[in-house]
Amino acid sequence: MKRALLGLFLLIATSAFAQANLVVVNSNGQNQYLVNENTTYTITITNNGNADAINVNVSNPVPVGITVMNWTSSLGTSGTGAITAVVPLIAVGQVVTYTVTINVPPGFLGNLTNSFSVNTTNTVSDTDTPRPKFVSTNNTQYTLPQLI
């Protein structure tokens, strides 16, 4: 009985602290850009947590002054312009990659800043179902068939 209670406590304690931990890296591997050239950013989202991330909102607006931006993802999606998407699931240990290519137009001045954000409405649940032949009753006395 003590072992069963200890096991139940550990299961509850572990489940209570399960959460996703999303780490995002956004880089084009350079410090300068050339006007009238493309620059490509690689963005990775890694779930380093102990629970899946559910309904992850990803966003990458088109930088100010940029007119052409294309992107692809390791999830098989692609597009032009801003990224606004919901990733249904990023499993524990999974890495999702976005590749964003920006054309720096002639006459572009100032810093080029590509901003990628991630937020989540992540809900972690632990759902238990009754074990077969489990008796649920409010009686104080049980018959043998009820206990088997």
C-alpha atoms as a PDB file:
ATOM      1  CA  MET A   1       0.000   0.000   0.000  1.00  0.00           C
ATOM      2  CA  LYS A   2       2.816   2.425   0.869  1.00  0.00           C
ATOM      3  CA  ARG A   3       4.522   1.693  -2.467  1.00  0.00           C
ATOM      4  CA  ALA A   4       1.277   2.312  -4.360  1.00  0.00           C
ATOM      5  CA  LEU A   5       0.761   5.643  -2.579  1.00  0.00           C
ATOM      6  CA  LEU A   6       4.368   6.664  -3.180  1.00  0.00           C
ATOM      7  CA  GLY A   7       4.024   5.767  -6.865  1.00  0.00           C
ATOM      8  CA  LEU A   8       0.783   7.736  -7.111  1.00  0.00           C
ATOM      9  CA  PHE A   9       2.431  10.728  -5.410  1.00  0.00           C
ATOM     10  CA  LEU A  10       5.387  10.613  -7.810  1.00  0.00           C
ATOM     11  CA  LEU A  11       3.038  10.379 -10.802  1.00  0.00           C
ATOM     12  CA  ILE A  12       1.051  13.383  -9.596  1.00  0.00           C
ATOM     13  CA  ALA A  13       4.195  15.376  -8.743  1.00  0.00           C
ATOM     14  CA  THR A  14       5.783  14.641 -12.107  1.00  0.00           C
ATOM     15  CA  SER A  15       2.608  15.499 -14.012  1.00  0.00           C
ATOM     16  CA  ALA A  16       2.135  18.739 -12.091  1.00  0.00           C
ATOM     17  CA  PHE A  17       5.524  20.061 -13.229  1.00  0.00           C
ATOM     18  CA  ALA A  18       5.424  18.911 -16.852  1.00  0.00           C
ATOM     19  CA  GLN A  19       5.772  21.851 -19.228  1.00  0.00           C
ATOM     20  CA  ALA A  20       7.121  22.775 -22.620  1.00  0.00           C
ATOM     21  CA  ASN A  21      10.276  24.880 -22.836  1.00  0.00           C
ATOM     22  CA  LEU A  22      10.599  26.461 -26.267  1.00  0.00           C
ATOM     23  CA  VAL A  23      14.027  27.816 -27.254  1.00  0.00           C
ATOM     24  CA  VAL A  24      14.158  30.015 -30.363  1.00  0.00           C
ATOM     25  CA  VAL A  25      17.261  30.939 -32.381  1.00  0.00           C
ATOM     26  CA  ASN A  26      17.044  33.454 -35.258  1.00  0.00           C
ATOM     27  CA  SER A  27      20.205  34.136 -37.284  1.00  0.00           C
ATOM     28  CA  ASN A  28      21.432  34.819 -40.779  1.00  0.00           C
ATOM     29  CA  GLY A  29      25.053  34.201 -39.736  1.00  0.00           C
ATOM     30  CA  GLN A  30      26.262  37.671 -40.667  1.00  0.00           C
ATOM     31  CA  ASN A  31      26.476  41.180 -39.238  1.00  0.00           C
ATOM     32  CA  GLN A  32      26.048  43.177 -42.465  1.00  0.00           C
ATOM     33  CA  TYR A  33      23.794  43.097 -45.525  1.00  0.00           C
ATOM     34  CA  LEU A  34      24.205  44.162 -49.136  1.00  0.00           C
ATOM     35  CA  VAL A  35      21.585  46.268 -50.904  1.00  0.00           C
ATOM     36  CA  ASN A  36      19.890  44.484 -53.827  1.00  0.00           C
ATOM     37  CA  GLU A  37      20.930  41.078 -52.448  1.00  0.00           C
ATOM     38  CA  ASN A  38      19.130  38.297 -50.565  1.00  0.00           C
ATOM     39  CA  THR A  39      19.834  37.418 -46.977  1.00  0.00           C
ATOM     40  CA  THR A  40      18.569  34.167 -45.470  1.00  0.00           C
ATOM     41  CA  TYR A  41      17.630  33.664 -41.833  1.00  0.00           C
ATOM     42  CA  THR A  42      17.408  30.250 -40.226  1.00  0.00           C
ATOM     43  CA  ILE A  43      14.999  30.138 -37.304  1.00  0.00           C
ATOM     44  CA  THR A  44      14.804  27.080 -35.066  1.00  0.00           C
ATOM     45  CA  ILE A  45      12.254  26.344 -32.359  1.00  0.00           C
ATOM     46  CA  THR A  46      13.342  23.532 -30.041  1.00  0.00           C
ATOM     47  CA  ASN A  47      11.144  22.056 -27.314  1.00  0.00           C
ATOM     48  CA  ASN A  48      13.571  21.347 -24.466  1.00  0.00           C
ATOM     49  CA  GLY A  49      10.753  20.792 -21.963  1.00  0.00           C
ATOM     50  CA  ASN A  50       9.279  17.588 -20.579  1.00  0.00           C
ATOM     51  CA  ALA A  51       5.858  18.084 -22.198  1.00  0.00           C
ATOM     52  CA  ASP A  52       4.602  18.740 -25.712  1.00  0.00           C
ATOM     53  CA  ALA A  53       3.851  22.337 -26.729  1.00  0.00           C
ATOM     54  CA  ILE A  54       0.317  22.688 -28.044  1.00  0.00           C
ATOM     55  CA  ASN A  55      -1.004  25.455 -30.339  1.00  0.00           C
ATOM     56  CA  VAL A  56       2.245  27.381 -30.679  1.00  0.00           C
ATOM     57  CA  ASN A  57       1.739  30.801 -32.280  1.00  0.00           C
ATOM     58  CA  VAL A  58       4.648  31.838 -34.514  1.00  0.00           C
ATOM     59  CA  SER A  59       5.045  35.268 -36.038  1.00  0.00           C
ATOM     60  CA  ASN A  60       7.613  36.920 -38.286  1.00  0.00           C
ATOM     61  CA  PRO A  61       6.473  40.285 -39.646  1.00  0.00           C
ATOM     62  CA  VAL A  62       8.058  41.678 -42.802  1.00  0.00           C
ATOM     63  CA  PRO A  63      10.833  44.064 -41.668  1.00  0.00           C
ATOM     64  CA  VAL A  64      10.256  47.775 -42.242  1.00  0.00           C
ATOM     65  CA  GLY A  65      11.363  48.813 -45.735  1.00  0.00           C
ATOM     66  CA  ILE A  66      11.385  45.232 -47.116  1.00  0.00           C
ATOM     67  CA  THR A  67       9.028  44.383 -49.975  1.00  0.00           C
ATOM     68  CA  VAL A  68       9.978  40.756 -50.756  1.00  0.00           C
ATOM     69  CA  MET A  69      10.117  38.043 -48.086  1.00  0.00           C
ATOM     70  CA  ASN A  70       9.689  34.299 -48.726  1.00  0.00           C
ATOM     71  CA  TRP A  71       9.714  31.477 -46.200  1.00  0.00           C
ATOM     72  CA  THR A  72       9.551  27.717 -45.822  1.00  0.00           C
ATOM     73  CA  SER A  73       9.265  25.481 -42.779  1.00  0.00           C
ATOM     74  CA  SER A  74      10.296  21.959 -41.865  1.00  0.00           C
ATOM     75  CA  LEU A  75       6.570  21.283 -41.363  1.00  0.00           C
ATOM     76  CA  GLY A  76       6.007  21.512 -45.126  1.00  0.00           C
ATOM     77  CA  THR A  77       4.451  24.975 -45.135  1.00  0.00           C
ATOM     78  CA  SER A  78       5.710  27.951 -47.131  1.00  0.00           C
ATOM     79  CA  GLY A  79       4.630  31.401 -48.167  1.00  0.00           C
ATOM     80  CA  THR A  80       5.444  34.970 -49.071  1.00  0.00           C
ATOM     81  CA  GLY A  81       5.232  37.938 -46.767  1.00  0.00           C
ATOM     82  CA  ALA A  82       4.785  37.719 -43.018  1.00  0.00           C
ATOM     83  CA  ILE A  83       4.608  34.443 -41.113  1.00  0.00           C
ATOM     84  CA  THR A  84       1.532  34.152 -38.941  1.00  0.00           C
ATOM     85  CA  ALA A  85       0.797  30.555 -38.076  1.00  0.00           C
ATOM     86  CA  VAL A  86      -0.239  28.168 -35.340  1.00  0.00           C
ATOM     87  CA  VAL A  87       1.870  25.025 -35.023  1.00  0.00           C
ATOM     88  CA  PRO A  88      -0.516  22.428 -33.552  1.00  0.00           C
ATOM     89  CA  LEU A  89       2.171  20.408 -31.787  1.00  0.00           C
ATOM     90  CA  ILE A  90       5.898  20.620 -31.044  1.00  0.00           C
ATOM     91  CA  ALA A  91       6.763  17.370 -29.293  1.00  0.00           C
ATOM     92  CA  VAL A  92       9.383  17.015 -26.568  1.00  0.00           C
ATOM     93  CA  GLY A  93      12.805  17.195 -28.252  1.00  0.00           C
ATOM     94  CA  GLN A  94      11.380  18.227 -31.623  1.00  0.00           C
ATOM     95  CA  VAL A  95      13.011  20.996 -33.661  1.00  0.00           C
ATOM     96  CA  VAL A  96      10.921  23.069 -36.082  1.00  0.00           C
ATOM     97  CA  THR A  97      12.897  25.117 -38.615  1.00  0.00           C
ATOM     98  CA  TYR A  98      11.821  28.145 -40.621  1.00  0.00           C
ATOM     99  CA  THR A  99      13.979  29.497 -43.450  1.00  0.00           C
ATOM    100  CA  VAL A 100      13.235  33.149 -44.261  1.00  0.00           C
ATOM    101  CA  THR A 101      14.734  34.804 -47.341  1.00  0.00           C
ATOM    102  CA  ILE A 102      14.607  38.591 -47.545  1.00  0.00           C
ATOM    103  CA  ASN A 103      15.516  40.657 -50.584  1.00  0.00           C
ATOM    104  CA  VAL A 104      17.118  43.942 -49.531  1.00  0.00           C
ATOM    105  CA  PRO A 105      15.792  46.459 -52.098  1.00  0.00           C
ATOM    106  CA  PRO A 106      17.863  49.163 -53.785  1.00  0.00           C
ATOM    107  CA  GLY A 107      17.848  52.329 -51.727  1.00  0.00           C
ATOM    108  CA  PHE A 108      17.284  50.487 -48.420  1.00  0.00           C
ATOM    109  CA  LEU A 109      18.824  52.467 -45.542  1.00  0.00           C
ATOM    110  CA  GLY A 110      19.371  51.722 -41.884  1.00  0.00           C
ATOM    111  CA  ASN A 111      19.468  48.531 -39.880  1.00  0.00           C
ATOM    112  CA  LEU A 112      17.777  45.377 -41.132  1.00  0.00           C
ATOM    113  CA  THR A 113      16.032  43.648 -38.233  1.00  0.00           C
ATOM    114  CA  ASN A 114      14.195  40.357 -38.650  1.00  0.00           C
ATOM    115  CA  SER A 115      12.022  39.613 -35.613  1.00  0.00           C
ATOM    116  CA  PHE A 116      10.544  36.169 -34.993  1.00  0.00           C
ATOM    117  CA  SER A 117       8.326  35.543 -32.004  1.00  0.00           C
ATOM    118  CA  VAL A 118       6.803  32.474 -30.434  1.00  0.00           C
ATOM    119  CA  ASN A 119       4.111  32.263 -27.819  1.00  0.00           C
ATOM    120  CA  THR A 120       1.889  29.419 -26.823  1.00  0.00           C
ATOM    121  CA  THR A 121      -1.458  28.737 -25.287  1.00  0.00           C
ATOM    122  CA  ASN A 122       0.048  25.521 -24.072  1.00  0.00           C
ATOM    123  CA  THR A 123      -2.130  23.455 -21.779  1.00  0.00           C
ATOM    124  CA  VAL A 124      -0.644  20.321 -20.273  1.00  0.00           C
ATOM    125  CA  SER A 125      -3.194  17.813 -19.016  1.00  0.00           C
ATOM    126  CA  ASP A 126      -2.973  14.450 -17.295  1.00  0.00           C
ATOM    127  CA  THR A 127      -6.098  12.380 -17.937  1.00  0.00           C
ATOM    128  CA  ASP A 128      -6.560   9.098 -16.080  1.00  0.00           C
ATOM    129  CA  THR A 129      -9.159   6.494 -16.944  1.00  0.00           C
ATOM    130  CA  PRO A 130     -10.574   3.809 -14.628  1.00  0.00           C
ATOM    131  CA  ARG A 131      -8.584   0.615 -14.429  1.00  0.00           C
ATOM    132  CA  PRO A 132     -10.615  -2.454 -15.539  1.00  0.00           C
ATOM    133  CA  LYS A 133     -12.543  -4.103 -12.677  1.00  0.00           C
ATOM    134  CA  PHE A 134     -12.101  -1.041 -10.453  1.00  0.00           C
ATOM    135  CA  VAL A 135     -14.967  -0.623  -7.971  1.00  0.00           C
ATOM    136  CA  SER A 136     -16.338   2.833  -7.315  1.00  0.00           C
ATOM    137  CA  THR A 137     -18.887   2.892  -4.530  1.00  0.00           C
ATOM    138  CA  ASN A 138     -19.839   4.715  -1.379  1.00  0.00           C
ATOM    139  CA  ASN A 139     -20.607   1.519   0.585  1.00  0.00           C
ATOM    140  CA  THR A 140     -18.741   0.744   3.773  1.00  0.00           C
ATOM    141  CA  GLN A 141     -19.140  -3.011   3.278  1.00  0.00           C
ATOM    142  CA  TYR A 142     -18.317  -4.881   0.084  1.00  0.00           C
ATOM    143  CA  THR A 143     -19.173  -8.348  -1.149  1.00  0.00           C
ATOM    144  CA  LEU A 144     -16.445 -10.569  -2.586  1.00  0.00           C
ATOM    145  CA  PRO A 145     -17.655 -10.144  -6.232  1.00  0.00           C
ATOM    146  CA  GLN A 146     -17.414  -6.333  -5.836  1.00  0.00           C
ATOM    147  CA  LEU A 147     -13.783  -6.570  -4.809  1.00  0.00           C
ATOM    148  CA  ILE A 148     -12.731  -8.927  -7.621  1.00  0.00           C
END
